[in-house]
Amino acid sequence: MRPGKKTYAVLMVLYAIAALTVDSLSTLHVRWLIDWSRLYWAFPSGFEASTCILWLVIPVLLMVRHLEIDFFTFRRWEKSDYWLLLIFMALGVLGICLIKFIPELNAYYPSGRFTSSRARWQYGLHQTVWVLSWLIGWEFLHRVFLLRYARILAGTAGLAIIPLIEFLFHLQKTLPEAFGALLLSVVLTWWSYKRKNVLLPMITHFSIEISLVIYCIL
């Protein structure tokens, strides 16, 4: 492999880590060295423009020459993948239902706080827009962008970088969620590697996030 190709891969992995770090600092409005909140751009609808740019727009531009349309279609799916998707979605819903029985998660994701249907509807719509603004970029960044450059660096073993990054990112929330993200990432990353496709991770992740929104408004 050409040294230049490996160097570029290192830079791309570092970009992904930087993008996740900057997003966390800006979203949490951290004031360390600079006021990171200035890099946080969001609309009243819930759409996080800064996250979309960092996790989707820039990564797509950086690897546009290597993009294949079948990353985002069902052409590479096998029949068993549809059953796998249903299983993952069911397990995701089950995981959301278990929040109430895990004190740390129950405190972080309280439910039953809305007293009117209007408030529930507004929150649900806002959160759905918010989820869509970052989730597509999250899955692209990890299951397409990072997967490609981690493999260039270390072959199949490089895939381990992705679950580790997802675990570390989720530590800013709760430890149970971080471990859940780690386990889910291992499975979804391996599937994307085998299929060269990102749809199953996107749909699975979206179903989990929407289930969480529903849980919070009930």
N, C-alpha and C. Protein backbone atom coordinates (compact mmCIF):
# COMPACT_ATOMS: atom_id res chain seq x y z
N MET A 1 0.84 -1.19 0.00
CA MET A 1 0.00 0.00 0.00
C MET A 1 0.88 1.25 0.00
N ARG A 2 0.49 2.23 -0.79
CA ARG A 2 1.27 3.46 -0.88
C ARG A 2 1.26 4.19 0.47
N PRO A 3 2.44 4.70 0.91
CA PRO A 3 2.51 5.43 2.18
C PRO A 3 1.53 6.61 2.23
N GLY A 4 1.35 7.27 1.09
CA GLY A 4 0.45 8.42 1.04
C GLY A 4 -0.98 8.04 1.33
N LYS A 5 -1.39 6.85 0.90
CA LYS A 5 -2.76 6.39 1.12
C LYS A 5 -3.00 6.14 2.61
N LYS A 6 -1.99 5.56 3.25
CA LYS A 6 -2.12 5.29 4.69
C LYS A 6 -2.10 6.58 5.49
N THR A 7 -1.29 7.53 5.07
CA THR A 7 -1.25 8.83 5.75
C THR A 7 -2.59 9.53 5.64
N TYR A 8 -3.19 9.47 4.45
CA TYR A 8 -4.50 10.08 4.25
C TYR A 8 -5.54 9.41 5.14
N ALA A 9 -5.44 8.08 5.27
CA ALA A 9 -6.38 7.35 6.13
C ALA A 9 -6.24 7.80 7.58
N VAL A 10 -5.01 8.00 8.04
CA VAL A 10 -4.79 8.49 9.40
C VAL A 10 -5.47 9.84 9.59
N LEU A 11 -5.30 10.71 8.61
CA LEU A 11 -5.90 12.05 8.69
C LEU A 11 -7.42 11.98 8.73
N MET A 12 -7.99 11.03 7.97
CA MET A 12 -9.45 10.90 7.94
C MET A 12 -9.99 10.36 9.27
N VAL A 13 -9.28 9.42 9.86
CA VAL A 13 -9.69 8.91 11.18
C VAL A 13 -9.59 10.03 12.22
N LEU A 14 -8.53 10.80 12.14
CA LEU A 14 -8.37 11.94 13.06
C LEU A 14 -9.46 12.97 12.84
N TYR A 15 -9.87 13.16 11.57
CA TYR A 15 -10.96 14.09 11.30
C TYR A 15 -12.24 13.61 11.99
N ALA A 16 -12.55 12.32 11.86
CA ALA A 16 -13.77 11.77 12.47
C ALA A 16 -13.76 11.99 13.97
N ILE A 17 -12.63 11.73 14.61
CA ILE A 17 -12.51 11.92 16.06
C ILE A 17 -12.68 13.39 16.41
N ALA A 18 -12.07 14.26 15.60
CA ALA A 18 -12.19 15.71 15.84
C ALA A 18 -13.63 16.18 15.66
N ALA A 19 -14.31 15.66 14.64
CA ALA A 19 -15.69 16.05 14.38
C ALA A 19 -16.60 15.66 15.54
N LEU A 20 -16.40 14.47 16.09
CA LEU A 20 -17.19 14.03 17.23
C LEU A 20 -16.88 14.86 18.47
N THR A 21 -15.59 15.18 18.65
CA THR A 21 -15.18 15.97 19.82
C THR A 21 -15.72 17.39 19.76
N VAL A 22 -15.58 18.02 18.60
CA VAL A 22 -16.08 19.39 18.43
C VAL A 22 -17.59 19.44 18.62
N ASP A 23 -18.29 18.44 18.08
CA ASP A 23 -19.74 18.41 18.23
C ASP A 23 -20.13 18.30 19.69
N SER A 24 -19.44 17.45 20.45
CA SER A 24 -19.74 17.30 21.88
C SER A 24 -19.48 18.60 22.63
N LEU A 25 -18.35 19.21 22.38
CA LEU A 25 -18.00 20.45 23.08
C LEU A 25 -18.98 21.57 22.77
N SER A 26 -19.38 21.66 21.50
CA SER A 26 -20.30 22.74 21.10
C SER A 26 -21.72 22.48 21.59
N THR A 27 -22.16 21.22 21.52
CA THR A 27 -23.51 20.88 21.96
C THR A 27 -23.67 21.08 23.46
N LEU A 28 -22.63 20.76 24.21
CA LEU A 28 -22.67 20.91 25.67
C LEU A 28 -22.31 22.33 26.11
N HIS A 29 -22.02 23.22 25.12
CA HIS A 29 -21.69 24.62 25.40
C HIS A 29 -20.51 24.75 26.37
N VAL A 30 -19.49 23.99 26.10
CA VAL A 30 -18.29 23.99 26.94
C VAL A 30 -17.49 25.26 26.70
N ARG A 31 -16.98 25.82 27.77
CA ARG A 31 -16.08 26.98 27.68
C ARG A 31 -14.70 26.54 28.15
N TRP A 32 -13.93 26.01 27.26
CA TRP A 32 -12.56 25.56 27.55
C TRP A 32 -11.68 25.98 26.38
N LEU A 33 -10.73 26.85 26.66
CA LEU A 33 -9.89 27.49 25.65
C LEU A 33 -10.68 28.51 24.84
N ILE A 34 -11.82 28.06 24.28
CA ILE A 34 -12.70 28.98 23.56
C ILE A 34 -14.14 28.69 23.97
N ASP A 35 -15.05 29.53 23.51
CA ASP A 35 -16.47 29.28 23.74
C ASP A 35 -16.97 28.38 22.61
N TRP A 36 -17.01 27.07 22.87
CA TRP A 36 -17.36 26.10 21.82
C TRP A 36 -18.82 26.23 21.37
N SER A 37 -19.64 26.86 22.17
CA SER A 37 -21.06 26.99 21.79
C SER A 37 -21.24 27.82 20.52
N ARG A 38 -20.23 28.61 20.19
CA ARG A 38 -20.32 29.40 18.95
C ARG A 38 -20.31 28.52 17.71
N LEU A 39 -19.86 27.29 17.86
CA LEU A 39 -19.83 26.36 16.73
C LEU A 39 -21.08 25.49 16.68
N TYR A 40 -22.02 25.78 17.57
CA TYR A 40 -23.28 25.02 17.60
C TYR A 40 -24.35 25.81 16.86
N TRP A 41 -24.81 25.26 15.74
CA TRP A 41 -25.82 25.93 14.92
C TRP A 41 -27.04 25.04 14.82
N ALA A 42 -28.17 25.51 15.34
CA ALA A 42 -29.40 24.73 15.30
C ALA A 42 -30.58 25.64 15.00
N PHE A 43 -31.60 25.07 14.38
CA PHE A 43 -32.82 25.80 14.04
C PHE A 43 -33.89 25.50 15.09
N PRO A 44 -34.87 26.38 15.24
CA PRO A 44 -35.96 26.13 16.21
C PRO A 44 -36.68 24.82 15.97
N SER A 45 -36.67 24.34 14.74
CA SER A 45 -37.34 23.07 14.42
C SER A 45 -36.67 21.87 15.08
N GLY A 46 -35.42 22.07 15.52
CA GLY A 46 -34.67 20.97 16.11
C GLY A 46 -33.52 20.50 15.23
N PHE A 47 -33.46 20.99 14.01
CA PHE A 47 -32.42 20.56 13.07
C PHE A 47 -31.07 21.13 13.48
N GLU A 48 -30.10 20.25 13.76
CA GLU A 48 -28.75 20.67 14.14
C GLU A 48 -27.87 20.77 12.90
N ALA A 49 -27.73 21.97 12.38
CA ALA A 49 -26.96 22.18 11.16
C ALA A 49 -25.49 21.87 11.36
N SER A 50 -24.94 22.27 12.52
CA SER A 50 -23.51 22.06 12.76
C SER A 50 -23.17 20.58 12.79
N THR A 51 -24.01 19.77 13.41
CA THR A 51 -23.78 18.33 13.46
C THR A 51 -23.88 17.72 12.07
N CYS A 52 -24.87 18.13 11.32
CA CYS A 52 -25.06 17.61 9.96
C CYS A 52 -23.84 17.92 9.10
N ILE A 53 -23.29 19.10 9.24
CA ILE A 53 -22.11 19.49 8.47
C ILE A 53 -20.89 18.67 8.87
N LEU A 54 -20.67 18.54 10.18
CA LEU A 54 -19.49 17.84 10.68
C LEU A 54 -19.52 16.34 10.39
N TRP A 55 -20.69 15.73 10.55
CA TRP A 55 -20.80 14.27 10.46
C TRP A 55 -21.20 13.76 9.09
N LEU A 56 -21.81 14.61 8.27
CA LEU A 56 -22.30 14.14 6.98
C LEU A 56 -21.72 14.91 5.80
N VAL A 57 -21.93 16.20 5.76
CA VAL A 57 -21.55 16.98 4.58
C VAL A 57 -20.04 16.91 4.32
N ILE A 58 -19.23 17.22 5.32
CA ILE A 58 -17.78 17.20 5.13
C ILE A 58 -17.26 15.79 4.85
N PRO A 59 -17.67 14.76 5.60
CA PRO A 59 -17.22 13.40 5.27
C PRO A 59 -17.59 12.95 3.86
N VAL A 60 -18.79 13.30 3.40
CA VAL A 60 -19.19 12.94 2.03
C VAL A 60 -18.26 13.61 1.03
N LEU A 61 -17.95 14.88 1.24
CA LEU A 61 -17.06 15.59 0.33
C LEU A 61 -15.65 15.01 0.36
N LEU A 62 -15.21 14.57 1.52
CA LEU A 62 -13.85 14.03 1.65
C LEU A 62 -13.68 12.68 0.96
N MET A 63 -14.75 11.91 0.83
CA MET A 63 -14.62 10.59 0.20
C MET A 63 -15.57 10.41 -0.98
N VAL A 64 -15.96 11.51 -1.60
CA VAL A 64 -16.97 11.45 -2.67
C VAL A 64 -16.52 10.55 -3.82
N ARG A 65 -15.22 10.48 -4.09
CA ARG A 65 -14.72 9.64 -5.20
C ARG A 65 -14.92 8.16 -4.94
N HIS A 66 -15.09 7.79 -3.67
CA HIS A 66 -15.18 6.38 -3.32
C HIS A 66 -16.60 5.96 -2.94
N LEU A 67 -17.55 6.86 -3.11
CA LEU A 67 -18.93 6.53 -2.76
C LEU A 67 -19.57 5.67 -3.84
N GLU A 68 -20.36 4.70 -3.40
CA GLU A 68 -21.12 3.84 -4.31
C GLU A 68 -22.59 3.95 -3.94
N ILE A 69 -23.44 4.03 -4.95
CA ILE A 69 -24.87 4.18 -4.71
C ILE A 69 -25.43 3.03 -3.89
N ASP A 70 -24.81 1.83 -4.05
CA ASP A 70 -25.34 0.66 -3.35
C ASP A 70 -25.01 0.65 -1.86
N PHE A 71 -24.24 1.64 -1.38
CA PHE A 71 -24.12 1.82 0.06
C PHE A 71 -25.50 2.13 0.66
N PHE A 72 -26.38 2.72 -0.17
CA PHE A 72 -27.64 3.27 0.33
C PHE A 72 -28.86 2.62 -0.32
N THR A 73 -28.71 1.45 -0.92
CA THR A 73 -29.84 0.73 -1.52
C THR A 73 -29.95 -0.66 -0.89
N PHE A 74 -30.98 -1.40 -1.31
CA PHE A 74 -31.19 -2.75 -0.79
C PHE A 74 -30.59 -3.82 -1.71
N ARG A 75 -29.85 -3.42 -2.72
CA ARG A 75 -29.35 -4.39 -3.70
C ARG A 75 -28.40 -5.42 -3.10
N ARG A 76 -27.66 -5.02 -2.09
CA ARG A 76 -26.68 -5.93 -1.49
C ARG A 76 -27.26 -6.74 -0.32
N TRP A 77 -28.53 -6.54 -0.05
CA TRP A 77 -29.16 -7.26 1.05
C TRP A 77 -29.46 -8.70 0.64
N GLU A 78 -29.41 -9.60 1.61
CA GLU A 78 -29.87 -10.97 1.43
C GLU A 78 -31.19 -11.12 2.18
N LYS A 79 -31.92 -12.20 1.88
CA LYS A 79 -33.23 -12.39 2.51
C LYS A 79 -33.12 -12.40 4.03
N SER A 80 -32.06 -12.99 4.54
CA SER A 80 -31.90 -13.07 5.99
C SER A 80 -31.72 -11.70 6.64
N ASP A 81 -31.27 -10.72 5.85
CA ASP A 81 -31.04 -9.39 6.42
C ASP A 81 -32.35 -8.71 6.82
N TYR A 82 -33.43 -9.00 6.12
CA TYR A 82 -34.72 -8.41 6.47
C TYR A 82 -35.21 -8.95 7.82
N TRP A 83 -34.99 -10.24 8.05
CA TRP A 83 -35.33 -10.83 9.34
C TRP A 83 -34.42 -10.27 10.43
N LEU A 84 -33.16 -10.09 10.09
CA LEU A 84 -32.20 -9.53 11.04
C LEU A 84 -32.61 -8.12 11.45
N LEU A 85 -33.08 -7.35 10.48
CA LEU A 85 -33.53 -5.99 10.77
C LEU A 85 -34.70 -6.02 11.76
N LEU A 86 -35.66 -6.90 11.53
CA LEU A 86 -36.81 -7.00 12.43
C LEU A 86 -36.38 -7.39 13.84
N ILE A 87 -35.42 -8.31 13.92
CA ILE A 87 -34.90 -8.74 15.23
C ILE A 87 -34.22 -7.58 15.95
N PHE A 88 -33.38 -6.84 15.21
CA PHE A 88 -32.68 -5.70 15.80
C PHE A 88 -33.66 -4.63 16.28
N MET A 89 -34.68 -4.37 15.47
CA MET A 89 -35.67 -3.37 15.85
C MET A 89 -36.43 -3.80 17.10
N ALA A 90 -36.78 -5.08 17.16
CA ALA A 90 -37.50 -5.61 18.34
C ALA A 90 -36.63 -5.52 19.59
N LEU A 91 -35.35 -5.88 19.45
CA LEU A 91 -34.43 -5.80 20.58
C LEU A 91 -34.23 -4.35 21.02
N GLY A 92 -34.23 -3.43 20.04
CA GLY A 92 -34.10 -2.02 20.37
C GLY A 92 -35.27 -1.52 21.18
N VAL A 93 -36.48 -1.90 20.78
CA VAL A 93 -37.69 -1.52 21.53
C VAL A 93 -37.65 -2.12 22.93
N LEU A 94 -37.22 -3.38 23.02
CA LEU A 94 -37.10 -4.02 24.33
C LEU A 94 -36.11 -3.26 25.21
N GLY A 95 -35.00 -2.83 24.62
CA GLY A 95 -34.01 -2.07 25.37
C GLY A 95 -34.58 -0.77 25.91
N ILE A 96 -35.40 -0.09 25.09
CA ILE A 96 -36.03 1.16 25.53
C ILE A 96 -36.99 0.88 26.69
N CYS A 97 -37.71 -0.23 26.61
CA CYS A 97 -38.65 -0.59 27.67
C CYS A 97 -37.95 -0.87 28.99
N LEU A 98 -36.69 -1.28 28.93
CA LEU A 98 -35.93 -1.60 30.14
C LEU A 98 -35.39 -0.36 30.85
N ILE A 99 -35.50 0.82 30.20
CA ILE A 99 -34.97 2.05 30.79
C ILE A 99 -35.53 2.27 32.19
N LYS A 100 -36.83 2.03 32.35
CA LYS A 100 -37.49 2.28 33.63
C LYS A 100 -36.90 1.44 34.77
N PHE A 101 -36.25 0.34 34.42
CA PHE A 101 -35.72 -0.56 35.45
C PHE A 101 -34.22 -0.36 35.70
N ILE A 102 -33.63 0.61 35.00
CA ILE A 102 -32.21 0.91 35.19
C ILE A 102 -32.11 2.34 35.71
N PRO A 103 -31.88 2.52 37.01
CA PRO A 103 -31.95 3.85 37.64
C PRO A 103 -31.19 4.95 36.90
N GLU A 104 -29.98 4.64 36.46
CA GLU A 104 -29.16 5.66 35.79
C GLU A 104 -29.81 6.13 34.49
N LEU A 105 -30.35 5.19 33.73
CA LEU A 105 -31.02 5.54 32.47
C LEU A 105 -32.37 6.20 32.74
N ASN A 106 -33.07 5.73 33.76
CA ASN A 106 -34.38 6.29 34.08
C ASN A 106 -34.27 7.75 34.51
N ALA A 107 -33.17 8.08 35.17
CA ALA A 107 -32.95 9.47 35.58
C ALA A 107 -32.57 10.35 34.38
N TYR A 108 -31.85 9.76 33.43
CA TYR A 108 -31.38 10.52 32.27
C TYR A 108 -32.50 10.71 31.25
N TYR A 109 -33.40 9.70 31.14
CA TYR A 109 -34.51 9.76 30.18
C TYR A 109 -35.84 9.63 30.92
N PRO A 110 -36.28 10.70 31.59
CA PRO A 110 -37.54 10.63 32.33
C PRO A 110 -38.75 10.57 31.39
N SER A 111 -39.77 9.88 31.80
CA SER A 111 -41.01 9.82 31.01
C SER A 111 -42.16 10.36 31.86
N GLY A 112 -43.29 10.60 31.21
CA GLY A 112 -44.47 11.06 31.94
C GLY A 112 -44.41 12.50 32.39
N ARG A 113 -43.59 13.33 31.72
CA ARG A 113 -43.46 14.73 32.17
C ARG A 113 -44.37 15.68 31.42
N PHE A 114 -45.10 15.19 30.41
CA PHE A 114 -45.95 16.08 29.61
C PHE A 114 -47.40 15.94 30.06
N THR A 115 -48.07 17.09 30.19
CA THR A 115 -49.44 17.10 30.71
C THR A 115 -50.49 17.34 29.63
N SER A 116 -50.06 17.61 28.40
CA SER A 116 -51.04 17.86 27.34
C SER A 116 -50.61 17.18 26.04
N SER A 117 -51.57 16.88 25.21
CA SER A 117 -51.30 16.25 23.91
C SER A 117 -50.50 17.19 23.02
N ARG A 118 -50.79 18.48 23.13
CA ARG A 118 -50.07 19.47 22.33
C ARG A 118 -48.57 19.46 22.66
N ALA A 119 -48.26 19.41 23.95
CA ALA A 119 -46.87 19.39 24.36
C ALA A 119 -46.19 18.12 23.88
N ARG A 120 -46.88 17.00 23.95
CA ARG A 120 -46.33 15.73 23.47
C ARG A 120 -46.06 15.80 21.97
N TRP A 121 -47.01 16.34 21.22
CA TRP A 121 -46.87 16.45 19.77
C TRP A 121 -45.70 17.35 19.40
N GLN A 122 -45.59 18.51 20.04
CA GLN A 122 -44.51 19.44 19.74
C GLN A 122 -43.15 18.82 20.07
N TYR A 123 -43.06 18.15 21.21
CA TYR A 123 -41.81 17.50 21.59
C TYR A 123 -41.46 16.38 20.61
N GLY A 124 -42.46 15.56 20.27
CA GLY A 124 -42.23 14.45 19.35
C GLY A 124 -41.74 14.91 17.99
N LEU A 125 -42.36 15.97 17.46
CA LEU A 125 -41.98 16.50 16.15
C LEU A 125 -40.57 17.10 16.21
N HIS A 126 -40.31 17.87 17.26
CA HIS A 126 -38.99 18.49 17.43
C HIS A 126 -37.90 17.43 17.51
N GLN A 127 -38.14 16.39 18.31
CA GLN A 127 -37.14 15.35 18.49
C GLN A 127 -36.93 14.51 17.23
N THR A 128 -37.99 14.32 16.47
CA THR A 128 -37.86 13.56 15.22
C THR A 128 -36.98 14.31 14.23
N VAL A 129 -37.20 15.62 14.11
CA VAL A 129 -36.36 16.45 13.23
C VAL A 129 -34.93 16.43 13.73
N TRP A 130 -34.76 16.54 15.04
CA TRP A 130 -33.42 16.53 15.64
C TRP A 130 -32.70 15.22 15.35
N VAL A 131 -33.40 14.11 15.53
CA VAL A 131 -32.80 12.80 15.27
C VAL A 131 -32.36 12.68 13.81
N LEU A 132 -33.21 13.06 12.89
CA LEU A 132 -32.88 12.96 11.47
C LEU A 132 -31.70 13.85 11.10
N SER A 133 -31.53 14.97 11.81
CA SER A 133 -30.46 15.91 11.47
C SER A 133 -29.08 15.34 11.78
N TRP A 134 -28.99 14.42 12.73
CA TRP A 134 -27.67 13.88 13.09
C TRP A 134 -27.51 12.39 12.82
N LEU A 135 -28.61 11.64 12.83
CA LEU A 135 -28.49 10.18 12.74
C LEU A 135 -27.92 9.70 11.42
N ILE A 136 -28.37 10.29 10.32
CA ILE A 136 -27.84 9.88 9.01
C ILE A 136 -26.34 10.13 8.96
N GLY A 137 -25.92 11.30 9.46
CA GLY A 137 -24.50 11.61 9.50
C GLY A 137 -23.73 10.69 10.43
N TRP A 138 -24.32 10.37 11.58
CA TRP A 138 -23.66 9.46 12.53
C TRP A 138 -23.36 8.11 11.88
N GLU A 139 -24.36 7.55 11.23
CA GLU A 139 -24.18 6.23 10.61
C GLU A 139 -23.24 6.30 9.41
N PHE A 140 -23.32 7.37 8.64
CA PHE A 140 -22.39 7.50 7.51
C PHE A 140 -20.97 7.64 8.02
N LEU A 141 -20.77 8.48 9.02
CA LEU A 141 -19.44 8.71 9.56
C LEU A 141 -18.81 7.42 10.08
N HIS A 142 -19.60 6.59 10.76
CA HIS A 142 -19.06 5.37 11.38
C HIS A 142 -19.07 4.17 10.44
N ARG A 143 -20.18 3.94 9.76
CA ARG A 143 -20.33 2.70 8.98
C ARG A 143 -19.86 2.81 7.53
N VAL A 144 -19.52 4.01 7.07
CA VAL A 144 -18.99 4.17 5.70
C VAL A 144 -17.61 4.84 5.77
N PHE A 145 -17.58 6.06 6.30
CA PHE A 145 -16.35 6.85 6.32
C PHE A 145 -15.26 6.20 7.19
N LEU A 146 -15.54 6.04 8.48
CA LEU A 146 -14.55 5.45 9.38
C LEU A 146 -14.23 4.00 9.01
N LEU A 147 -15.24 3.27 8.58
CA LEU A 147 -15.02 1.87 8.22
C LEU A 147 -13.99 1.76 7.09
N ARG A 148 -14.11 2.62 6.11
CA ARG A 148 -13.17 2.58 4.99
C ARG A 148 -11.74 2.88 5.45
N TYR A 149 -11.57 3.96 6.20
CA TYR A 149 -10.22 4.39 6.52
C TYR A 149 -9.61 3.57 7.66
N ALA A 150 -10.43 3.03 8.55
CA ALA A 150 -9.91 2.14 9.58
C ALA A 150 -9.38 0.85 8.95
N ARG A 151 -10.06 0.38 7.91
CA ARG A 151 -9.61 -0.83 7.21
C ARG A 151 -8.30 -0.59 6.47
N ILE A 152 -8.16 0.59 5.89
CA ILE A 152 -6.91 0.92 5.20
C ILE A 152 -5.75 0.91 6.19
N LEU A 153 -6.01 1.38 7.41
CA LEU A 153 -4.95 1.45 8.42
C LEU A 153 -4.58 0.08 8.97
N ALA A 154 -5.57 -0.75 9.26
CA ALA A 154 -5.27 -1.99 10.00
C ALA A 154 -6.04 -3.21 9.51
N GLY A 155 -6.57 -3.15 8.30
CA GLY A 155 -7.31 -4.29 7.79
C GLY A 155 -8.58 -4.52 8.59
N THR A 156 -8.99 -5.78 8.68
CA THR A 156 -10.21 -6.11 9.40
C THR A 156 -10.11 -5.73 10.88
N ALA A 157 -8.91 -5.84 11.45
CA ALA A 157 -8.71 -5.47 12.86
C ALA A 157 -9.03 -4.00 13.12
N GLY A 158 -8.92 -3.18 12.08
CA GLY A 158 -9.20 -1.76 12.23
C GLY A 158 -10.65 -1.47 12.55
N LEU A 159 -11.53 -2.45 12.28
CA LEU A 159 -12.95 -2.25 12.57
C LEU A 159 -13.19 -2.03 14.06
N ALA A 160 -12.27 -2.54 14.89
CA ALA A 160 -12.43 -2.38 16.35
C ALA A 160 -12.37 -0.92 16.77
N ILE A 161 -11.78 -0.07 15.93
CA ILE A 161 -11.70 1.36 16.25
C ILE A 161 -13.09 1.96 16.38
N ILE A 162 -14.01 1.50 15.55
CA ILE A 162 -15.33 2.13 15.47
C ILE A 162 -16.16 1.91 16.74
N PRO A 163 -16.33 0.67 17.23
CA PRO A 163 -17.06 0.50 18.51
C PRO A 163 -16.39 1.23 19.67
N LEU A 164 -15.06 1.29 19.67
CA LEU A 164 -14.36 1.99 20.73
C LEU A 164 -14.69 3.48 20.72
N ILE A 165 -14.70 4.07 19.53
CA ILE A 165 -15.03 5.49 19.41
C ILE A 165 -16.47 5.75 19.86
N GLU A 166 -17.38 4.86 19.46
CA GLU A 166 -18.79 5.04 19.85
C GLU A 166 -18.95 4.89 21.36
N PHE A 167 -18.23 3.97 21.96
CA PHE A 167 -18.28 3.79 23.41
C PHE A 167 -17.80 5.05 24.12
N LEU A 168 -16.66 5.57 23.71
CA LEU A 168 -16.11 6.76 24.34
C LEU A 168 -17.03 7.97 24.18
N PHE A 169 -17.64 8.11 23.01
CA PHE A 169 -18.55 9.23 22.77
C PHE A 169 -19.74 9.17 23.72
N HIS A 170 -20.29 7.98 23.95
CA HIS A 170 -21.49 7.84 24.78
C HIS A 170 -21.20 7.92 26.27
N LEU A 171 -19.94 7.96 26.66
CA LEU A 171 -19.62 8.11 28.08
C LEU A 171 -20.08 9.46 28.63
N GLN A 172 -20.32 10.43 27.74
CA GLN A 172 -20.81 11.72 28.20
C GLN A 172 -22.27 11.62 28.65
N LYS A 173 -22.91 10.49 28.36
CA LYS A 173 -24.29 10.26 28.80
C LYS A 173 -24.28 9.38 30.05
N THR A 174 -24.51 8.08 29.88
CA THR A 174 -24.49 7.16 31.02
C THR A 174 -23.67 5.93 30.65
N LEU A 175 -23.15 5.27 31.66
CA LEU A 175 -22.33 4.08 31.42
C LEU A 175 -23.14 2.94 30.79
N PRO A 176 -24.37 2.67 31.26
CA PRO A 176 -25.16 1.62 30.60
C PRO A 176 -25.39 1.90 29.12
N GLU A 177 -25.66 3.16 28.77
CA GLU A 177 -25.87 3.49 27.37
C GLU A 177 -24.59 3.34 26.57
N ALA A 178 -23.46 3.67 27.18
CA ALA A 178 -22.16 3.52 26.50
C ALA A 178 -21.89 2.06 26.17
N PHE A 179 -22.18 1.16 27.11
CA PHE A 179 -21.97 -0.26 26.86
C PHE A 179 -22.96 -0.77 25.81
N GLY A 180 -24.19 -0.26 25.85
CA GLY A 180 -25.17 -0.64 24.84
C GLY A 180 -24.73 -0.20 23.45
N ALA A 181 -24.19 1.02 23.36
CA ALA A 181 -23.69 1.54 22.08
C ALA A 181 -22.52 0.71 21.58
N LEU A 182 -21.68 0.27 22.51
CA LEU A 182 -20.52 -0.56 22.15
C LEU A 182 -20.97 -1.87 21.53
N LEU A 183 -21.90 -2.57 22.17
CA LEU A 183 -22.37 -3.86 21.67
C LEU A 183 -23.08 -3.70 20.33
N LEU A 184 -23.93 -2.68 20.23
CA LEU A 184 -24.66 -2.46 18.98
C LEU A 184 -23.71 -2.11 17.85
N SER A 185 -22.69 -1.32 18.16
CA SER A 185 -21.73 -0.91 17.14
C SER A 185 -20.95 -2.09 16.59
N VAL A 186 -20.59 -3.03 17.45
CA VAL A 186 -19.86 -4.22 16.99
C VAL A 186 -20.67 -4.95 15.93
N VAL A 187 -21.96 -5.15 16.20
CA VAL A 187 -22.82 -5.89 15.28
C VAL A 187 -23.07 -5.11 13.99
N LEU A 188 -23.43 -3.83 14.13
CA LEU A 188 -23.76 -3.03 12.95
C LEU A 188 -22.53 -2.76 12.07
N THR A 189 -21.39 -2.56 12.71
CA THR A 189 -20.16 -2.31 11.95
C THR A 189 -19.77 -3.55 11.15
N TRP A 190 -19.87 -4.72 11.79
CA TRP A 190 -19.54 -5.96 11.09
C TRP A 190 -20.49 -6.20 9.93
N TRP A 191 -21.79 -5.93 10.13
CA TRP A 191 -22.77 -6.11 9.05
C TRP A 191 -22.44 -5.17 7.88
N SER A 192 -22.15 -3.92 8.18
CA SER A 192 -21.82 -2.96 7.12
C SER A 192 -20.55 -3.36 6.37
N TYR A 193 -19.61 -3.91 7.11
CA TYR A 193 -18.37 -4.39 6.48
C TYR A 193 -18.66 -5.53 5.51
N LYS A 194 -19.51 -6.46 5.91
CA LYS A 194 -19.82 -7.62 5.07
C LYS A 194 -20.68 -7.24 3.87
N ARG A 195 -21.60 -6.32 4.06
CA ARG A 195 -22.55 -5.98 2.99
C ARG A 195 -22.14 -4.74 2.19
N LYS A 196 -21.19 -3.99 2.70
CA LYS A 196 -20.85 -2.70 2.07
C LYS A 196 -22.10 -1.85 1.90
N ASN A 197 -22.80 -1.69 3.01
CA ASN A 197 -24.11 -1.04 3.00
C ASN A 197 -24.36 -0.42 4.37
N VAL A 198 -25.15 0.64 4.40
CA VAL A 198 -25.39 1.35 5.66
C VAL A 198 -26.86 1.41 6.04
N LEU A 199 -27.74 0.83 5.22
CA LEU A 199 -29.17 0.98 5.46
C LEU A 199 -29.64 0.29 6.73
N LEU A 200 -29.20 -0.94 6.97
CA LEU A 200 -29.65 -1.64 8.17
C LEU A 200 -29.26 -0.90 9.44
N PRO A 201 -28.00 -0.44 9.57
CA PRO A 201 -27.67 0.37 10.76
C PRO A 201 -28.52 1.63 10.88
N MET A 202 -28.78 2.30 9.76
CA MET A 202 -29.57 3.53 9.81
C MET A 202 -30.99 3.26 10.28
N ILE A 203 -31.62 2.23 9.70
CA ILE A 203 -33.01 1.92 10.06
C ILE A 203 -33.10 1.44 11.50
N THR A 204 -32.17 0.57 11.89
CA THR A 204 -32.15 0.07 13.27
C THR A 204 -31.97 1.21 14.27
N HIS A 205 -31.00 2.06 14.00
CA HIS A 205 -30.72 3.19 14.89
C HIS A 205 -31.91 4.13 14.96
N PHE A 206 -32.52 4.41 13.81
CA PHE A 206 -33.67 5.32 13.79
C PHE A 206 -34.83 4.73 14.59
N SER A 207 -35.07 3.44 14.45
CA SER A 207 -36.18 2.81 15.19
C SER A 207 -35.96 2.91 16.69
N ILE A 208 -34.70 2.78 17.12
CA ILE A 208 -34.37 2.90 18.54
C ILE A 208 -34.61 4.33 19.03
N GLU A 209 -34.15 5.30 18.25
CA GLU A 209 -34.30 6.70 18.66
C GLU A 209 -35.77 7.12 18.70
N ILE A 210 -36.57 6.67 17.74
CA ILE A 210 -37.98 7.01 17.73
C ILE A 210 -38.71 6.31 18.87
N SER A 211 -38.30 5.09 19.18
CA SER A 211 -38.88 4.39 20.33
C SER A 211 -38.57 5.16 21.61
N LEU A 212 -37.38 5.73 21.69
CA LEU A 212 -37.00 6.53 22.85
C LEU A 212 -37.85 7.79 22.95
N VAL A 213 -38.11 8.42 21.82
CA VAL A 213 -38.96 9.61 21.81
C VAL A 213 -40.35 9.26 22.32
N ILE A 214 -40.90 8.15 21.82
CA ILE A 214 -42.24 7.71 22.25
C ILE A 214 -42.25 7.41 23.75
N TYR A 215 -41.19 6.75 24.21
CA TYR A 215 -41.07 6.45 25.64
C TYR A 215 -41.10 7.71 26.49
N CYS A 216 -40.40 8.73 26.03
CA CYS A 216 -40.31 9.99 26.80
C CYS A 216 -41.61 10.77 26.85
N ILE A 217 -42.47 10.61 25.84
CA ILE A 217 -43.70 11.40 25.81
C ILE A 217 -44.90 10.65 26.41
N LEU A 218 -44.71 9.36 26.70
CA LEU A 218 -45.83 8.61 27.28
C LEU A 218 -46.04 8.98 28.76
